[in-house]
Structure formats: C-alpha cells, structure tokens
Amino acid sequence: MPCQRIMDCISERAMVIKETAERKFAEEDYIEAKKLAQQAKDLFPGLGFISLFITIIDIYLFRTKIINGQPDWHAVLGLDNTATLKKTCEKFYNLYEDVKGGKNNVIGAQGALQILLEAFCHLSGEFWTMCPRCQFKFQYSNDRVNKVIGCFNCHRCYLAVPLSSGAYPTSPRTMSHFERRKTSVVLALKAPSFDHVGERGSSKVG
C-alpha cells in the first residue's frame, strides 16, 4: 500500500476517534473525551485542532474538580498553587488567546473562555463591574467594590457593583473591549474612586 494511502487511513481513523471524543464531550463525559482525544492525537498528531481540543477538555475537567468547596482554579489555568499574580496574568492571557483562536472550530471553546475568565477573576482578586450609562465592562481590584469610580469609556462616575460570573464579557463585542483592556488593567486598578460623589465636582453617578 502506498505511503500516502497509509497516512490517509491513519488520518481517517484518528478523525473517527476524535468525533467520538466530541460526542463524549457533549455528554459531559470529560474523562472519556480526553482519553479518546489523546488516542486520536497519538495516532495522528497533525489532526486539526486536536491539541487545543485536549486543552479545552482539561479546562472543563478541572472546572468540575472541587477542592474545599471551590473548583480547582489554579489547575484550570495550568498553574500550581504558588503562582504569582504576574504569572497568573501571563498564563491567563496566553491560554485565552489560544482558546479564542479555535472558538469557531473546536467544540466547547466558547464555554472554555468563560471558565478561564471565571478562574482569572477568582485568582487575581479582582471583580467585573459595568457602567450603567454606557454598558462598558471593567475589572478592578476588590478594594473598589461598592465605591464610586470613574468610567474610562464615558467618563461618568458610577457605583462599582460586582457582576455575577454569568455577566462577565464573553460576546464578540464585549470581548473586544476586554482585549483592548489588556494593557489598561493596571490603569483600571489605579482608576479614581471616591467615597463621596461630590469630591469630583460636577461629575455625576451613573
């Protein structure tokens, strides 16, 4: 049998295994899905998006691993428990970009992005809030919870009420805002906050 035909047969077999893994993933059988996806990768390493699919399975798998009443957020980001905030940020951004690159091609990618955001917010000691006037979402350190802060987008002041995890930015529109925030997270952490609205002169809340 010609070498090309052999490679085609191997590729086709790996694809069948991957499709089975995707069905197991859809059934939330993440352990079996990972086992099958790894088999497919071992059989044909060049199979499209197979490495990313395994990464996404791991994200879901560790999200379901509960330690002391909480998911294993460090494991979700591929970190050990001693990781610094800098390392956590770097790992999150790199992993997020990898997963985002396959969101139109790999099952579970969109949900994995949400899980990554959730993990990052838990580990970074920050929270998401939204300006009620322009609907722009920002992330701040926890010492700004329920404080009046300035919106970087519309420049109005508002009360920084934490959003629930389900309201974290995930749509293409809000995630584009999030991406532009990569270099402005530090600015957000240093954003002006006021215990009394009147301290900003004519600024108005919301």
Protein backbone atom coordinates (compact mmCIF):
# COMPACT_ATOMS: atom_id res chain seq x y z
CA MET A 1 0.00 0.00 0.00
CA PRO A 2 1.47 3.41 -0.97
CA CYS A 3 2.66 5.58 1.91
CA GLN A 4 0.11 8.30 1.17
CA ARG A 5 -2.74 5.82 1.35
CA ILE A 6 -1.45 4.58 4.69
CA MET A 7 -1.34 8.14 6.02
CA ASP A 8 -4.85 8.79 4.76
CA CYS A 9 -6.13 5.69 6.55
CA ILE A 10 -4.44 6.74 9.78
CA SER A 11 -5.85 10.25 9.47
CA GLU A 12 -9.36 8.93 8.82
CA ARG A 13 -9.14 6.62 11.82
CA ALA A 14 -7.94 9.44 14.03
CA MET A 15 -10.81 11.62 12.83
CA VAL A 16 -13.35 8.93 13.75
CA ILE A 17 -11.85 8.71 17.24
CA LYS A 18 -11.90 12.50 17.58
CA GLU A 19 -15.57 12.62 16.57
CA THR A 20 -16.34 10.04 19.25
CA ALA A 21 -14.41 12.18 21.74
CA GLU A 22 -16.51 15.19 20.74
CA ARG A 23 -19.70 13.23 21.39
CA LYS A 24 -18.42 12.22 24.82
CA PHE A 25 -17.54 15.85 25.50
CA ALA A 26 -21.07 16.94 24.54
CA GLU A 27 -22.35 14.35 27.03
CA GLU A 28 -20.08 15.94 29.69
CA ASP A 29 -18.05 12.75 30.00
CA TYR A 30 -14.81 14.72 30.06
CA ILE A 31 -12.59 11.90 31.28
CA GLU A 32 -13.56 9.60 28.42
CA ALA A 33 -13.44 12.52 25.98
CA LYS A 34 -9.86 13.29 26.97
CA LYS A 35 -8.85 9.64 26.74
CA LEU A 36 -10.22 9.39 23.19
CA ALA A 37 -8.84 12.76 22.11
CA GLN A 38 -5.38 11.74 23.32
CA GLN A 39 -5.68 8.48 21.37
CA ALA A 40 -6.53 10.46 18.25
CA LYS A 41 -3.54 12.75 18.79
CA ASP A 42 -1.18 9.82 19.41
CA LEU A 43 -2.42 8.17 16.23
CA PHE A 44 -2.19 11.30 14.09
CA PRO A 45 -0.53 14.34 15.82
CA GLY A 46 -1.30 16.60 12.87
CA LEU A 47 -5.06 16.21 13.23
CA GLY A 48 -6.68 19.65 13.08
CA PHE A 49 -7.06 21.43 16.43
CA ILE A 50 -6.60 18.20 18.38
CA SER A 51 -4.11 19.72 20.86
CA LEU A 52 -6.43 22.64 21.51
CA PHE A 53 -9.36 20.28 21.96
CA ILE A 54 -7.42 18.44 24.67
CA THR A 55 -6.60 21.77 26.34
CA ILE A 56 -10.29 22.70 26.33
CA ILE A 57 -11.25 19.33 27.80
CA ASP A 58 -8.77 19.93 30.62
CA ILE A 59 -10.31 23.32 31.33
CA TYR A 60 -13.75 21.76 31.72
CA LEU A 61 -12.35 18.80 33.62
CA PHE A 62 -10.59 20.91 36.23
CA ARG A 63 -13.63 23.18 36.49
CA THR A 64 -15.54 20.15 37.81
CA LYS A 65 -12.79 19.20 40.28
CA ILE A 66 -13.90 20.62 43.63
CA ILE A 67 -11.37 21.38 46.38
CA ASN A 68 -12.60 22.87 49.67
CA GLY A 69 -15.90 23.74 48.06
CA GLN A 70 -14.31 25.53 45.08
CA PRO A 71 -13.26 24.43 41.59
CA ASP A 72 -9.52 23.92 41.16
CA TRP A 73 -8.98 27.35 39.58
CA HIS A 74 -5.19 27.01 39.55
CA ALA A 75 -5.45 23.77 37.58
CA VAL A 76 -7.91 25.39 35.17
CA LEU A 77 -5.17 27.84 34.21
CA GLY A 78 -2.44 25.20 34.35
CA LEU A 79 -0.82 26.79 37.42
CA ASP A 80 0.45 25.49 40.73
CA ASN A 81 -0.84 26.94 43.99
CA THR A 82 2.23 29.15 44.46
CA ALA A 83 1.83 31.09 41.20
CA THR A 84 2.32 34.85 41.49
CA LEU A 85 -0.21 37.36 40.18
CA LYS A 86 2.15 38.18 37.30
CA LYS A 87 2.41 34.51 36.36
CA THR A 88 -1.37 34.12 36.68
CA CYS A 89 -1.96 37.05 34.32
CA GLU A 90 0.56 35.81 31.77
CA LYS A 91 -0.84 32.29 31.80
CA PHE A 92 -4.41 33.51 31.53
CA TYR A 93 -3.77 35.81 28.58
CA ASN A 94 -1.76 33.19 26.67
CA LEU A 95 -4.30 30.45 27.29
CA TYR A 96 -7.18 32.75 26.49
CA GLU A 97 -5.66 33.70 23.15
CA ASP A 98 -5.04 30.04 22.28
CA VAL A 99 -8.63 29.05 23.03
CA LYS A 100 -10.09 32.10 21.31
CA GLY A 101 -8.23 31.11 18.16
CA GLY A 102 -10.28 27.92 17.92
CA LYS A 103 -13.67 29.16 19.06
CA ASN A 104 -15.17 28.63 15.59
CA ASN A 105 -13.57 25.23 15.08
CA VAL A 106 -13.44 23.39 18.39
CA ILE A 107 -16.39 22.22 20.44
CA GLY A 108 -16.57 23.83 23.87
CA ALA A 109 -14.23 26.72 23.08
CA GLN A 110 -16.73 29.47 23.86
CA GLY A 111 -17.59 27.92 27.22
CA ALA A 112 -13.89 27.45 27.96
CA LEU A 113 -13.36 31.19 27.51
CA GLN A 114 -15.99 31.84 30.17
CA ILE A 115 -14.36 29.34 32.54
CA LEU A 116 -10.95 30.97 32.02
CA LEU A 117 -12.39 34.38 32.85
CA GLU A 118 -14.03 32.93 35.95
CA ALA A 119 -10.76 31.34 37.07
CA PHE A 120 -8.79 34.52 36.45
CA CYS A 121 -11.23 36.65 38.44
CA HIS A 122 -11.03 34.26 41.40
CA LEU A 123 -7.24 34.06 41.39
CA SER A 124 -6.44 37.68 40.65
CA GLY A 125 -8.51 39.15 43.46
CA GLU A 126 -10.40 41.33 41.02
CA PHE A 127 -14.04 41.75 40.06
CA TRP A 128 -16.02 42.79 36.99
CA THR A 129 -18.36 45.77 37.08
CA MET A 130 -20.31 47.66 34.43
CA CYS A 131 -21.01 51.32 33.84
CA PRO A 132 -24.82 51.59 33.80
CA ARG A 133 -24.67 54.52 31.37
CA CYS A 134 -22.54 53.16 28.51
CA GLN A 135 -22.63 49.41 29.41
CA PHE A 136 -18.82 49.22 29.24
CA LYS A 137 -17.36 46.50 31.50
CA PHE A 138 -14.22 46.89 33.57
CA GLN A 139 -12.19 44.84 36.02
CA TYR A 140 -10.96 46.32 39.29
CA SER A 141 -9.26 45.22 42.49
CA ASN A 142 -11.60 44.15 45.27
CA ASP A 143 -10.94 47.27 47.32
CA ARG A 144 -13.10 49.18 44.82
CA VAL A 145 -16.26 47.12 45.47
CA ASN A 146 -19.23 49.39 46.15
CA LYS A 147 -17.09 52.50 45.70
CA VAL A 148 -17.84 55.31 43.25
CA ILE A 149 -15.39 55.06 40.33
CA GLY A 150 -14.81 56.83 37.04
CA CYS A 151 -15.74 55.11 33.77
CA PHE A 152 -12.83 55.11 31.29
CA ASN A 153 -15.25 55.00 28.37
CA CYS A 154 -17.87 57.69 29.00
CA HIS A 155 -16.05 59.46 31.87
CA ARG A 156 -19.10 59.42 34.14
CA CYS A 157 -18.95 58.16 37.71
CA TYR A 158 -20.88 55.16 38.98
CA LEU A 159 -21.12 52.75 41.90
CA ALA A 160 -18.91 49.70 41.25
CA VAL A 161 -21.32 46.86 41.92
CA PRO A 162 -19.81 43.41 41.15
CA LEU A 163 -21.29 41.49 38.25
CA SER A 164 -22.23 37.84 38.58
CA SER A 165 -19.94 35.42 36.72
CA GLY A 166 -22.62 34.93 34.08
CA ALA A 167 -22.32 38.62 33.16
CA TYR A 168 -18.56 38.58 32.53
CA PRO A 169 -17.73 39.78 28.99
CA THR A 170 -17.98 36.86 26.57
CA SER A 171 -19.67 38.13 23.40
CA PRO A 172 -17.52 39.31 20.46
CA ARG A 173 -18.47 42.93 21.25
CA THR A 174 -17.62 42.88 24.94
CA MET A 175 -14.59 40.67 24.45
CA SER A 176 -13.14 43.22 22.02
CA HIS A 177 -13.35 45.69 24.89
CA PHE A 178 -11.65 43.14 27.10
CA GLU A 179 -8.83 42.66 24.61
CA ARG A 180 -8.19 46.39 24.42
CA ARG A 181 -8.01 46.35 28.20
CA LYS A 182 -5.00 44.04 28.23
CA THR A 183 -2.58 46.91 28.69
CA SER A 184 -5.03 49.04 30.67
CA VAL A 185 -5.72 46.64 33.53
CA VAL A 186 -3.15 48.47 35.62
CA LEU A 187 -4.85 51.76 34.78
CA ALA A 188 -8.16 50.26 35.85
CA LEU A 189 -6.61 49.18 39.14
CA LYS A 190 -5.44 52.75 39.65
CA ALA A 191 -8.67 54.31 38.44
CA PRO A 192 -10.07 57.18 40.54
CA SER A 193 -12.54 56.17 43.21
CA PHE A 194 -14.37 58.48 45.57
CA ASP A 195 -16.06 57.81 48.88
CA HIS A 196 -18.33 60.80 48.18
CA VAL A 197 -19.57 61.74 44.76
CA GLY A 198 -19.19 65.45 45.46
CA GLU A 199 -15.42 65.11 45.61
CA ARG A 200 -15.35 65.10 41.79
CA GLY A 201 -17.02 68.45 41.33
CA SER A 202 -19.68 68.29 38.65
CA SER A 203 -19.24 64.56 37.98
CA LYS A 204 -22.47 62.58 38.14
CA VAL A 205 -23.06 58.99 39.15
CA GLY A 206 -24.48 56.65 36.51
